[in-house]
Amino acid sequence: MSIDQHIEQPGDLVWFKSSHSGTNGGDCVEVAVAACAGAVYVRDSKAVGSGLVLRVGRDEWAAFVTHAAR
């Protein structure tokens, strides 16, 4: 599995939060899918200005989501 922490990211990312995220701040992450890189980017919605993101392969992300949904 390949997981990298990056400061730089593609500029064309569209970030979104889970529909389960509340509006009170809390513990939220945002996710974006890179169209051409085959990667999913994850960041802390409370620390967007830090520029830190986690890049995960699409297959690894799909496995994570499947496991988390159980």
PDB file of N, CA and C in Angstrom:
ATOM      1  N   MET A   1       0.851  -1.169   0.000  1.00  0.00           N
ATOM      2  CA  MET A   1       0.000   0.000   0.000  1.00  0.00           C
ATOM      3  C   MET A   1       0.893   1.227   0.000  1.00  0.00           C
ATOM      4  N   SER A   2       0.490   2.228  -0.738  1.00  0.00           N
ATOM      5  CA  SER A   2       1.260   3.463  -0.835  1.00  0.00           C
ATOM      6  C   SER A   2       0.443   4.626  -0.284  1.00  0.00           C
ATOM      7  N   ILE A   3       0.941   5.222   0.787  1.00  0.00           N
ATOM      8  CA  ILE A   3       0.299   6.398   1.368  1.00  0.00           C
ATOM      9  C   ILE A   3       1.377   7.448   1.524  1.00  0.00           C
ATOM     10  N   ASP A   4       1.174   8.604   0.937  1.00  0.00           N
ATOM     11  CA  ASP A   4       2.155   9.679   0.993  1.00  0.00           C
ATOM     12  C   ASP A   4       1.528  10.926   1.569  1.00  0.00           C
ATOM     13  N   GLN A   5       2.316  11.671   2.337  1.00  0.00           N
ATOM     14  CA  GLN A   5       1.870  12.967   2.835  1.00  0.00           C
ATOM     15  C   GLN A   5       2.480  14.022   1.931  1.00  0.00           C
ATOM     16  N   HIS A   6       1.638  14.910   1.413  1.00  0.00           N
ATOM     17  CA  HIS A   6       2.094  15.905   0.449  1.00  0.00           C
ATOM     18  C   HIS A   6       1.681  17.297   0.861  1.00  0.00           C
ATOM     19  N   ILE A   7       2.505  18.246   0.520  1.00  0.00           N
ATOM     20  CA  ILE A   7       2.128  19.639   0.683  1.00  0.00           C
ATOM     21  C   ILE A   7       1.583  20.159  -0.638  1.00  0.00           C
ATOM     22  N   GLU A   8       2.174  19.732  -1.745  1.00  0.00           N
ATOM     23  CA  GLU A   8       1.671  20.146  -3.058  1.00  0.00           C
ATOM     24  C   GLU A   8       0.635  19.151  -3.533  1.00  0.00           C
ATOM     25  N   GLN A   9      -0.347  19.652  -4.244  1.00  0.00           N
ATOM     26  CA  GLN A   9      -1.425  18.836  -4.766  1.00  0.00           C
ATOM     27  C   GLN A   9      -1.921  19.445  -6.064  1.00  0.00           C
ATOM     28  N   PRO A  10      -2.567  18.650  -6.904  1.00  0.00           N
ATOM     29  CA  PRO A  10      -3.097  19.213  -8.146  1.00  0.00           C
ATOM     30  C   PRO A  10      -4.060  20.357  -7.850  1.00  0.00           C
ATOM     31  N   GLY A  11      -3.998  21.397  -8.657  1.00  0.00           N
ATOM     32  CA  GLY A  11      -4.839  22.571  -8.442  1.00  0.00           C
ATOM     33  C   GLY A  11      -6.281  22.387  -8.853  1.00  0.00           C
ATOM     34  N   ASP A  12      -6.602  21.313  -9.564  1.00  0.00           N
ATOM     35  CA  ASP A  12      -7.958  21.131 -10.059  1.00  0.00           C
ATOM     36  C   ASP A  12      -8.818  20.263  -9.136  1.00  0.00           C
ATOM     37  N   LEU A  13      -8.384  20.054  -7.898  1.00  0.00           N
ATOM     38  CA  LEU A  13      -9.148  19.214  -6.984  1.00  0.00           C
ATOM     39  C   LEU A  13     -10.404  19.922  -6.497  1.00  0.00           C
ATOM     40  N   VAL A  14     -11.472  19.172  -6.398  1.00  0.00           N
ATOM     41  CA  VAL A  14     -12.723  19.669  -5.831  1.00  0.00           C
ATOM     42  C   VAL A  14     -12.933  18.888  -4.541  1.00  0.00           C
ATOM     43  N   TRP A  15     -12.886  19.586  -3.422  1.00  0.00           N
ATOM     44  CA  TRP A  15     -12.969  18.962  -2.104  1.00  0.00           C
ATOM     45  C   TRP A  15     -14.417  18.856  -1.646  1.00  0.00           C
ATOM     46  N   PHE A  16     -14.735  17.750  -0.944  1.00  0.00           N
ATOM     47  CA  PHE A  16     -16.067  17.613  -0.375  1.00  0.00           C
ATOM     48  C   PHE A  16     -15.986  16.889   0.963  1.00  0.00           C
ATOM     49  N   LYS A  17     -16.995  17.151   1.802  1.00  0.00           N
ATOM     50  CA  LYS A  17     -17.116  16.507   3.106  1.00  0.00           C
ATOM     51  C   LYS A  17     -18.210  15.456   3.046  1.00  0.00           C
ATOM     52  N   SER A  18     -18.139  14.527   3.956  1.00  0.00           N
ATOM     53  CA  SER A  18     -19.179  13.523   4.085  1.00  0.00           C
ATOM     54  C   SER A  18     -20.500  14.183   4.459  1.00  0.00           C
ATOM     55  N   SER A  19     -21.581  13.603   4.013  1.00  0.00           N
ATOM     56  CA  SER A  19     -22.900  14.106   4.410  1.00  0.00           C
ATOM     57  C   SER A  19     -23.143  13.864   5.897  1.00  0.00           C
ATOM     58  N   HIS A  20     -22.320  13.020   6.516  1.00  0.00           N
ATOM     59  CA  HIS A  20     -22.441  12.738   7.943  1.00  0.00           C
ATOM     60  C   HIS A  20     -21.715  13.776   8.791  1.00  0.00           C
ATOM     61  N   SER A  21     -20.966  14.676   8.167  1.00  0.00           N
ATOM     62  CA  SER A  21     -20.257  15.720   8.909  1.00  0.00           C
ATOM     63  C   SER A  21     -21.254  16.761   9.393  1.00  0.00           C
ATOM     64  N   GLY A  22     -21.104  17.158  10.621  1.00  0.00           N
ATOM     65  CA  GLY A  22     -21.997  18.163  11.185  1.00  0.00           C
ATOM     66  C   GLY A  22     -21.567  19.561  10.791  1.00  0.00           C
ATOM     67  N   THR A  23     -22.330  20.538  11.191  1.00  0.00           N
ATOM     68  CA  THR A  23     -22.017  21.931  10.889  1.00  0.00           C
ATOM     69  C   THR A  23     -21.353  22.626  12.073  1.00  0.00           C
ATOM     70  N   ASN A  24     -21.084  21.895  13.141  1.00  0.00           N
ATOM     71  CA  ASN A  24     -20.512  22.478  14.356  1.00  0.00           C
ATOM     72  C   ASN A  24     -18.990  22.413  14.395  1.00  0.00           C
ATOM     73  N   GLY A  25     -18.331  22.182  13.300  1.00  0.00           N
ATOM     74  CA  GLY A  25     -16.878  22.041  13.300  1.00  0.00           C
ATOM     75  C   GLY A  25     -16.513  20.581  13.465  1.00  0.00           C
ATOM     76  N   GLY A  26     -16.201  20.176  14.674  1.00  0.00           N
ATOM     77  CA  GLY A  26     -15.979  18.771  14.980  1.00  0.00           C
ATOM     78  C   GLY A  26     -14.835  18.147  14.218  1.00  0.00           C
ATOM     79  N   ASP A  27     -14.883  16.850  14.122  1.00  0.00           N
ATOM     80  CA  ASP A  27     -13.829  16.082  13.474  1.00  0.00           C
ATOM     81  C   ASP A  27     -14.239  15.729  12.049  1.00  0.00           C
ATOM     82  N   CYS A  28     -13.851  16.547  11.103  1.00  0.00           N
ATOM     83  CA  CYS A  28     -14.241  16.331   9.712  1.00  0.00           C
ATOM     84  C   CYS A  28     -13.010  16.214   8.829  1.00  0.00           C
ATOM     85  N   VAL A  29     -13.157  15.404   7.818  1.00  0.00           N
ATOM     86  CA  VAL A  29     -12.131  15.342   6.792  1.00  0.00           C
ATOM     87  C   VAL A  29     -12.784  15.702   5.474  1.00  0.00           C
ATOM     88  N   GLU A  30     -11.977  16.173   4.550  1.00  0.00           N
ATOM     89  CA  GLU A  30     -12.444  16.458   3.200  1.00  0.00           C
ATOM     90  C   GLU A  30     -11.694  15.538   2.251  1.00  0.00           C
ATOM     91  N   VAL A  31     -12.349  15.162   1.181  1.00  0.00           N
ATOM     92  CA  VAL A  31     -11.797  14.218   0.221  1.00  0.00           C
ATOM     93  C   VAL A  31     -11.911  14.812  -1.176  1.00  0.00           C
ATOM     94  N   ALA A  32     -10.899  14.567  -2.001  1.00  0.00           N
ATOM     95  CA  ALA A  32     -10.923  14.974  -3.411  1.00  0.00           C
ATOM     96  C   ALA A  32     -10.320  13.848  -4.236  1.00  0.00           C
ATOM     97  N   VAL A  33     -10.835  13.666  -5.437  1.00  0.00           N
ATOM     98  CA  VAL A  33     -10.334  12.632  -6.337  1.00  0.00           C
ATOM     99  C   VAL A  33      -9.650  13.307  -7.513  1.00  0.00           C
ATOM    100  N   ALA A  34      -8.403  12.926  -7.755  1.00  0.00           N
ATOM    101  CA  ALA A  34      -7.664  13.473  -8.891  1.00  0.00           C
ATOM    102  C   ALA A  34      -8.058  12.709 -10.142  1.00  0.00           C
ATOM    103  N   ALA A  35      -8.496  13.426 -11.142  1.00  0.00           N
ATOM    104  CA  ALA A  35      -8.982  12.804 -12.365  1.00  0.00           C
ATOM    105  C   ALA A  35      -7.902  12.005 -13.092  1.00  0.00           C
ATOM    106  N   CYS A  36      -6.712  12.544 -13.166  1.00  0.00           N
ATOM    107  CA  CYS A  36      -5.697  11.884 -13.969  1.00  0.00           C
ATOM    108  C   CYS A  36      -4.634  11.153 -13.155  1.00  0.00           C
ATOM    109  N   ALA A  37      -4.533  11.407 -11.877  1.00  0.00           N
ATOM    110  CA  ALA A  37      -3.446  10.837 -11.084  1.00  0.00           C
ATOM    111  C   ALA A  37      -3.783   9.480 -10.476  1.00  0.00           C
ATOM    112  N   GLY A  38      -5.033   9.069 -10.538  1.00  0.00           N
ATOM    113  CA  GLY A  38      -5.409   7.798  -9.936  1.00  0.00           C
ATOM    114  C   GLY A  38      -5.272   7.812  -8.428  1.00  0.00           C
ATOM    115  N   ALA A  39      -5.458   8.978  -7.833  1.00  0.00           N
ATOM    116  CA  ALA A  39      -5.264   9.118  -6.401  1.00  0.00           C
ATOM    117  C   ALA A  39      -6.455   9.798  -5.752  1.00  0.00           C
ATOM    118  N   VAL A  40      -6.607   9.536  -4.459  1.00  0.00           N
ATOM    119  CA  VAL A  40      -7.600  10.206  -3.633  1.00  0.00           C
ATOM    120  C   VAL A  40      -6.819  11.006  -2.604  1.00  0.00           C
ATOM    121  N   TYR A  41      -7.228  12.254  -2.396  1.00  0.00           N
ATOM    122  CA  TYR A  41      -6.567  13.137  -1.446  1.00  0.00           C
ATOM    123  C   TYR A  41      -7.493  13.360  -0.257  1.00  0.00           C
ATOM    124  N   VAL A  42      -6.920  13.345   0.935  1.00  0.00           N
ATOM    125  CA  VAL A  42      -7.688  13.523   2.168  1.00  0.00           C
ATOM    126  C   VAL A  42      -7.005  14.607   2.992  1.00  0.00           C
ATOM    127  N   ARG A  43      -7.799  15.513   3.562  1.00  0.00           N
ATOM    128  CA  ARG A  43      -7.233  16.553   4.411  1.00  0.00           C
ATOM    129  C   ARG A  43      -8.164  16.833   5.583  1.00  0.00           C
ATOM    130  N   ASP A  44      -7.607  17.423   6.614  1.00  0.00           N
ATOM    131  CA  ASP A  44      -8.359  17.820   7.798  1.00  0.00           C
ATOM    132  C   ASP A  44      -9.067  19.134   7.486  1.00  0.00           C
ATOM    133  N   SER A  45     -10.375  19.149   7.593  1.00  0.00           N
ATOM    134  CA  SER A  45     -11.132  20.358   7.234  1.00  0.00           C
ATOM    135  C   SER A  45     -10.856  21.519   8.175  1.00  0.00           C
ATOM    136  N   LYS A  46     -10.321  21.248   9.349  1.00  0.00           N
ATOM    137  CA  LYS A  46     -10.010  22.318  10.293  1.00  0.00           C
ATOM    138  C   LYS A  46      -8.617  22.891  10.061  1.00  0.00           C
ATOM    139  N   ALA A  47      -7.822  22.245   9.230  1.00  0.00           N
ATOM    140  CA  ALA A  47      -6.441  22.686   9.006  1.00  0.00           C
ATOM    141  C   ALA A  47      -6.139  22.833   7.523  1.00  0.00           C
ATOM    142  N   VAL A  48      -7.113  23.296   6.767  1.00  0.00           N
ATOM    143  CA  VAL A  48      -6.955  23.439   5.321  1.00  0.00           C
ATOM    144  C   VAL A  48      -5.767  24.340   4.987  1.00  0.00           C
ATOM    145  N   GLY A  49      -5.561  25.378   5.766  1.00  0.00           N
ATOM    146  CA  GLY A  49      -4.485  26.324   5.503  1.00  0.00           C
ATOM    147  C   GLY A  49      -3.096  25.735   5.662  1.00  0.00           C
ATOM    148  N   SER A  50      -2.974  24.592   6.324  1.00  0.00           N
ATOM    149  CA  SER A  50      -1.658  23.977   6.510  1.00  0.00           C
ATOM    150  C   SER A  50      -1.112  23.421   5.207  1.00  0.00           C
ATOM    151  N   GLY A  51      -1.998  23.086   4.280  1.00  0.00           N
ATOM    152  CA  GLY A  51      -1.580  22.528   3.011  1.00  0.00           C
ATOM    153  C   GLY A  51      -1.248  21.054   3.060  1.00  0.00           C
ATOM    154  N   LEU A  52      -1.315  20.431   4.238  1.00  0.00           N
ATOM    155  CA  LEU A  52      -0.993  19.012   4.350  1.00  0.00           C
ATOM    156  C   LEU A  52      -2.158  18.150   3.907  1.00  0.00           C
ATOM    157  N   VAL A  53      -1.866  17.196   3.059  1.00  0.00           N
ATOM    158  CA  VAL A  53      -2.874  16.259   2.581  1.00  0.00           C
ATOM    159  C   VAL A  53      -2.279  14.856   2.575  1.00  0.00           C
ATOM    160  N   LEU A  54      -3.157  13.881   2.620  1.00  0.00           N
ATOM    161  CA  LEU A  54      -2.764  12.485   2.516  1.00  0.00           C
ATOM    162  C   LEU A  54      -3.188  12.005   1.140  1.00  0.00           C
ATOM    163  N   ARG A  55      -2.254  11.415   0.390  1.00  0.00           N
ATOM    164  CA  ARG A  55      -2.589  10.882  -0.936  1.00  0.00           C
ATOM    165  C   ARG A  55      -2.617   9.363  -0.846  1.00  0.00           C
ATOM    166  N   VAL A  56      -3.731   8.793  -1.296  1.00  0.00           N
ATOM    167  CA  VAL A  56      -3.934   7.352  -1.237  1.00  0.00           C
ATOM    168  C   VAL A  56      -4.352   6.886  -2.628  1.00  0.00           C
ATOM    169  N   GLY A  57      -3.903   5.723  -3.023  1.00  0.00           N
ATOM    170  CA  GLY A  57      -4.327   5.148  -4.299  1.00  0.00           C
ATOM    171  C   GLY A  57      -5.822   4.858  -4.295  1.00  0.00           C
ATOM    172  N   ARG A  58      -6.438   4.877  -5.454  1.00  0.00           N
ATOM    173  CA  ARG A  58      -7.891   4.651  -5.526  1.00  0.00           C
ATOM    174  C   ARG A  58      -8.282   3.276  -5.016  1.00  0.00           C
ATOM    175  N   ASP A  59      -7.487   2.258  -5.301  1.00  0.00           N
ATOM    176  CA  ASP A  59      -7.808   0.910  -4.819  1.00  0.00           C
ATOM    177  C   ASP A  59      -7.745   0.842  -3.296  1.00  0.00           C
ATOM    178  N   GLU A  60      -6.727   1.478  -2.720  1.00  0.00           N
ATOM    179  CA  GLU A  60      -6.608   1.498  -1.262  1.00  0.00           C
ATOM    180  C   GLU A  60      -7.766   2.258  -0.629  1.00  0.00           C
ATOM    181  N   TRP A  61      -8.172   3.367  -1.258  1.00  0.00           N
ATOM    182  CA  TRP A  61      -9.298   4.145  -0.741  1.00  0.00           C
ATOM    183  C   TRP A  61     -10.582   3.322  -0.794  1.00  0.00           C
ATOM    184  N   ALA A  62     -10.799   2.629  -1.897  1.00  0.00           N
ATOM    185  CA  ALA A  62     -11.998   1.808  -2.023  1.00  0.00           C
ATOM    186  C   ALA A  62     -12.023   0.710  -0.952  1.00  0.00           C
ATOM    187  N   ALA A  63     -10.870   0.112  -0.672  1.00  0.00           N
ATOM    188  CA  ALA A  63     -10.795  -0.908   0.369  1.00  0.00           C
ATOM    189  C   ALA A  63     -11.091  -0.299   1.741  1.00  0.00           C
ATOM    190  N   PHE A  64     -10.575   0.888   2.003  1.00  0.00           N
ATOM    191  CA  PHE A  64     -10.833   1.565   3.269  1.00  0.00           C
ATOM    192  C   PHE A  64     -12.321   1.867   3.438  1.00  0.00           C
ATOM    193  N   VAL A  65     -12.933   2.431   2.414  1.00  0.00           N
ATOM    194  CA  VAL A  65     -14.357   2.781   2.492  1.00  0.00           C
ATOM    195  C   VAL A  65     -15.217   1.533   2.695  1.00  0.00           C
ATOM    196  N   THR A  66     -14.874   0.465   1.986  1.00  0.00           N
ATOM    197  CA  THR A  66     -15.606  -0.793   2.149  1.00  0.00           C
ATOM    198  C   THR A  66     -15.501  -1.292   3.577  1.00  0.00           C
ATOM    199  N   HIS A  67     -14.297  -1.262   4.119  1.00  0.00           N
ATOM    200  CA  HIS A  67     -14.090  -1.725   5.497  1.00  0.00           C
ATOM    201  C   HIS A  67     -14.816  -0.822   6.493  1.00  0.00           C
ATOM    202  N   ALA A  68     -14.723   0.495   6.306  1.00  0.00           N
ATOM    203  CA  ALA A  68     -15.358   1.431   7.229  1.00  0.00           C
ATOM    204  C   ALA A  68     -16.884   1.323   7.197  1.00  0.00           C
ATOM    205  N   ALA A  69     -17.438   0.950   6.055  1.00  0.00           N
ATOM    206  CA  ALA A  69     -18.886   0.847   5.929  1.00  0.00           C
ATOM    207  C   ALA A  69     -19.453  -0.353   6.692  1.00  0.00           C
ATOM    208  N   ARG A  70     -18.594  -1.321   6.976  1.00  0.00           N
ATOM    209  CA  ARG A  70     -19.076  -2.504   7.721  1.00  0.00           C
ATOM    210  C   ARG A  70     -19.301  -2.097   9.111  1.00  0.00           C
TER     211      ARG A  70
END
